[in-house]
Protein backbone atom coordinates (compact mmCIF):
# COMPACT_ATOMS: atom_id res chain seq x y z
CA MET A 1 9.01 -8.97 7.83
CA ILE A 2 10.04 -6.33 10.36
CA LEU A 3 12.96 -4.15 9.35
CA VAL A 4 14.91 -2.05 11.82
CA ASP A 5 17.64 0.50 11.33
CA ASP A 6 20.44 0.25 13.89
CA ASP A 7 21.25 3.92 13.27
CA ASP A 8 17.62 4.96 13.85
CA PRO A 9 16.05 2.72 16.53
CA LYS A 10 12.80 4.74 16.54
CA PHE A 11 12.12 3.91 12.87
CA PHE A 12 9.86 0.93 12.25
CA GLN A 13 9.07 -0.73 8.93
CA LEU A 14 6.80 -3.70 8.43
CA LEU A 15 7.25 -5.14 4.93
CA TYR A 16 5.20 -7.61 2.90
CA PRO A 17 7.39 -8.21 -0.18
CA ASN A 18 6.46 -9.78 -3.50
CA PHE A 19 2.74 -10.14 -2.84
CA TRP A 20 1.78 -9.53 -6.49
CA PRO A 21 3.93 -10.70 -9.43
CA ILE A 22 3.63 -8.50 -12.52
CA ASP A 23 3.13 -10.14 -15.89
CA GLY A 24 4.09 -7.75 -18.67
CA ALA A 25 3.92 -4.04 -19.45
CA PRO A 26 0.11 -3.56 -19.42
CA GLU A 27 -0.14 -5.05 -15.93
CA SER A 28 2.88 -3.03 -14.84
CA HIS A 29 1.17 0.23 -15.86
CA ARG A 30 -1.97 -0.74 -13.98
CA ALA A 31 0.08 -1.80 -10.92
CA LEU A 32 1.90 1.55 -10.89
CA ALA A 33 -1.42 3.41 -10.97
CA ALA A 34 -2.89 1.22 -8.21
CA ALA A 35 0.25 1.62 -6.09
CA ALA A 36 0.16 5.41 -6.42
CA THR A 37 -3.54 5.50 -5.55
CA LEU A 38 -3.12 3.37 -2.44
CA THR A 39 0.05 5.08 -1.24
CA ALA A 40 -1.86 8.37 -1.42
CA SER A 41 -5.00 7.08 0.29
CA VAL A 42 -4.05 4.42 2.87
CA LYS A 43 -2.53 5.88 6.02
CA ILE A 44 1.14 4.89 6.59
CA ALA A 45 1.12 2.41 3.69
CA LYS A 46 3.64 2.53 0.88
CA VAL A 47 2.83 0.34 -2.10
CA LEU A 48 5.82 -0.06 -4.41
CA VAL A 49 6.38 -1.68 -7.77
CA VAL A 50 9.93 -3.06 -7.77
CA GLY A 51 10.97 -4.90 -10.89
CA ASN A 52 8.28 -7.46 -11.63
CA ASN A 53 6.80 -7.55 -8.12
CA VAL A 54 4.74 -5.38 -5.82
CA HIS A 55 5.63 -4.77 -2.18
CA VAL A 56 3.71 -3.01 0.57
CA SER A 57 5.11 -1.58 3.77
CA ALA A 58 3.95 0.33 6.81
CA GLU A 59 6.53 2.83 8.01
CA LEU A 60 6.46 4.79 11.25
CA LEU A 61 8.61 6.92 13.50
CA LEU A 62 8.06 5.85 17.09
CA PRO A 63 8.58 7.84 20.29
CA THR A 64 10.65 4.93 21.68
CA ALA A 65 11.87 1.65 20.23
CA ALA A 66 9.67 -0.21 22.72
CA ALA A 67 6.54 1.45 21.29
CA ILE A 68 6.54 -1.08 18.45
CA GLU A 69 4.25 -3.31 20.53
CA ALA A 70 1.59 -0.59 20.59
CA VAL A 71 1.48 -0.18 16.80
CA LEU A 72 2.26 -3.64 15.45
CA GLU A 73 -1.30 -4.98 15.27
CA ARG A 74 -2.64 -1.89 13.50
CA SER A 75 0.33 -1.86 11.13
CA VAL A 76 -0.39 -5.47 10.14
CA ALA A 77 -4.07 -4.55 9.60
CA THR A 78 -3.02 -1.62 7.41
CA ILE A 79 -0.86 -3.88 5.25
CA ARG A 80 -3.67 -6.39 4.91
CA ALA A 81 -6.10 -3.65 3.88
CA ALA A 82 -3.66 -2.23 1.31
CA VAL A 83 -3.07 -5.69 -0.19
CA GLU A 84 -6.80 -6.39 -0.42
CA ARG A 85 -7.50 -3.01 -2.01
CA PHE A 86 -4.62 -3.53 -4.45
CA ARG A 87 -6.01 -6.92 -5.46
CA THR A 88 -9.45 -5.36 -5.96
CA LEU A 89 -8.03 -2.63 -8.16
CA MET A 90 -5.97 -5.06 -10.21
CA THR A 91 -8.80 -7.52 -10.80
CA ALA A 92 -11.66 -5.07 -11.35
CA ASP A 93 -12.93 -4.62 -14.88
CA VAL A 94 -11.82 -1.09 -15.77
CA GLY A 95 -15.04 -0.54 -17.70
CA THR A 96 -17.08 -1.16 -14.57
CA CYS A 97 -15.14 1.10 -12.22
CA GLU A 98 -15.86 4.60 -11.06
CA PRO A 99 -13.42 7.08 -9.51
CA ILE A 100 -13.86 7.89 -5.85
CA GLY A 101 -11.66 10.06 -3.67
CA ARG A 102 -11.11 11.08 -0.10
CA ASP A 103 -12.56 14.47 0.77
CA ASP A 104 -9.15 15.73 1.92
CA ALA A 105 -7.16 14.26 -1.02
CA PRO A 106 -6.58 15.90 -4.40
CA ARG A 107 -9.19 14.65 -6.85
CA ASP A 108 -6.59 13.19 -9.21
CA PHE A 109 -5.52 10.77 -6.45
CA GLY A 110 -8.88 9.03 -6.26
CA GLU A 111 -9.13 5.29 -6.07
CA TRP A 112 -11.17 2.90 -8.15
CA ARG A 113 -13.86 0.59 -6.90
CA PRO A 114 -16.19 -1.76 -8.73
CA ARG A 115 -19.74 -0.59 -9.39
CA PHE A 116 -22.41 -2.86 -7.94
């Protein structure tokens, strides 16, 4: 879903709503942690827990409204990557995960990945 703001034509938001339904408080806590991790580590992605669902968006400020064509494909790829990483974090066995972080990110904003 592409959202535009008539008052700000250079703002672009690509939204994938309700891609993960949340079932109860324990899953909600884990979803909030995963969302924070991914929002901090995936460029331009915002992963949000809203009610009992999780949404992901890619948000950009463009030099011109027509520039959307130049960024659309990469924005879709970013959303797909964020969704896949979210699913991995939510389905990984916490006991078999290790923290990893980006070199330029604060260490407490690491992400989790399964150990192989």
